[in-house]
Amino acid sequence: MPKYTYKCLKCENLWCQWAAMGDDPPSCPACEAASTYKVPSHIFFVNKETKSEKVQKIGTITKEHIEENREILEKMKEMAKKEEE
């Protein structure tokens, strides 16, 4: 069972409690009011791209780094071949 954070609408008390996902919100332990709700536990940020901003996508950055490392590897291979000769 996950642990959820609840808030009372009447007295604004916050508390954490283990509960099954389908359970109804419990009553407030401070004032015993039934008007409680589950507080969202994760915050999600959405990065919206505007025309003035140039935001690179992670896939593009990854591809660039792979290409840079391939070039470095090729140079290192050439140097190793020259040293063997």
Protein backbone atom coordinates (compact mmCIF):
# COMPACT_ATOMS: atom_id res chain seq x y z
CA MET A 1 0.00 0.00 0.00
CA PRO A 2 1.31 3.46 -0.86
CA LYS A 3 1.58 6.32 1.58
CA TYR A 4 -0.53 9.36 0.69
CA THR A 5 -0.65 12.92 1.99
CA TYR A 6 -4.11 14.23 2.79
CA LYS A 7 -5.38 17.72 3.57
CA CYS A 8 -8.50 18.75 5.44
CA LEU A 9 -10.66 21.41 3.78
CA LYS A 10 -12.08 22.53 7.12
CA CYS A 11 -9.00 22.98 9.36
CA GLU A 12 -6.27 22.68 6.65
CA ASN A 13 -4.51 19.94 8.62
CA LEU A 14 -1.94 17.91 6.62
CA TRP A 15 -1.12 14.30 7.45
CA CYS A 16 0.28 11.17 5.81
CA GLN A 17 -1.44 7.83 5.87
CA TRP A 18 -1.02 4.40 4.26
CA ALA A 19 -4.02 3.59 2.07
CA ALA A 20 -5.03 1.40 -0.82
CA MET A 21 -5.36 3.14 -4.17
CA GLY A 22 -9.15 2.80 -4.35
CA ASP A 23 -9.89 3.80 -0.76
CA ASP A 24 -12.06 6.84 -0.04
CA PRO A 25 -10.27 9.79 1.59
CA PRO A 26 -10.19 9.32 5.38
CA SER A 27 -11.70 11.75 7.85
CA CYS A 28 -9.39 14.35 9.39
CA PRO A 29 -7.64 13.12 12.55
CA ALA A 30 -7.62 16.66 14.02
CA CYS A 31 -11.22 17.80 13.56
CA GLU A 32 -12.84 14.55 12.29
CA ALA A 33 -14.28 16.35 9.24
CA ALA A 34 -15.03 14.19 6.23
CA SER A 35 -14.07 16.90 3.75
CA THR A 36 -10.51 15.81 2.95
CA TYR A 37 -8.61 15.29 -0.27
CA LYS A 38 -5.43 13.63 -1.45
CA VAL A 39 -2.57 16.10 -2.06
CA PRO A 40 -0.69 15.48 -5.33
CA SER A 41 2.72 14.05 -4.49
CA HIS A 42 4.57 14.78 -7.75
CA ILE A 43 5.05 18.08 -9.49
CA PHE A 44 5.43 18.03 -13.24
CA PHE A 45 7.01 20.86 -15.20
CA VAL A 46 6.16 21.38 -18.84
CA ASN A 47 8.77 23.21 -20.88
CA LYS A 48 6.98 24.91 -23.74
CA GLU A 49 9.18 25.89 -26.63
CA THR A 50 8.73 29.38 -28.03
CA LYS A 51 9.93 30.73 -31.37
CA SER A 52 12.54 32.96 -29.74
CA GLU A 53 14.05 30.11 -27.75
CA LYS A 54 16.04 27.35 -29.37
CA VAL A 55 15.67 24.32 -27.16
CA GLN A 56 17.50 21.18 -28.23
CA LYS A 57 15.80 17.90 -27.69
CA ILE A 58 17.62 15.22 -25.71
CA GLY A 59 17.82 12.94 -28.75
CA THR A 60 19.61 15.66 -30.73
CA ILE A 61 22.11 16.29 -27.93
CA THR A 62 22.76 12.56 -27.58
CA LYS A 63 23.40 12.17 -31.32
CA GLU A 64 25.84 15.10 -31.27
CA HIS A 65 27.82 13.57 -28.40
CA ILE A 66 27.91 10.19 -30.12
CA GLU A 67 29.29 11.75 -33.30
CA GLU A 68 31.93 13.69 -31.33
CA ASN A 69 33.02 10.52 -29.56
CA ARG A 70 33.17 8.61 -32.86
CA GLU A 71 35.52 11.25 -34.25
CA ILE A 72 37.72 11.04 -31.15
CA LEU A 73 37.75 7.24 -31.37
CA GLU A 74 38.76 7.32 -35.05
CA LYS A 75 41.66 9.67 -34.25
CA MET A 76 42.77 7.40 -31.43
CA LYS A 77 42.63 4.36 -33.75
CA GLU A 78 44.78 6.16 -36.33
CA MET A 79 47.32 7.12 -33.67
CA ALA A 80 47.44 3.52 -32.40
CA LYS A 81 48.05 2.22 -35.94
CA LYS A 82 50.91 4.68 -36.44
CA GLU A 83 52.51 3.62 -33.15
CA GLU A 84 52.33 -0.07 -34.16
CA GLU A 85 54.18 0.58 -37.43
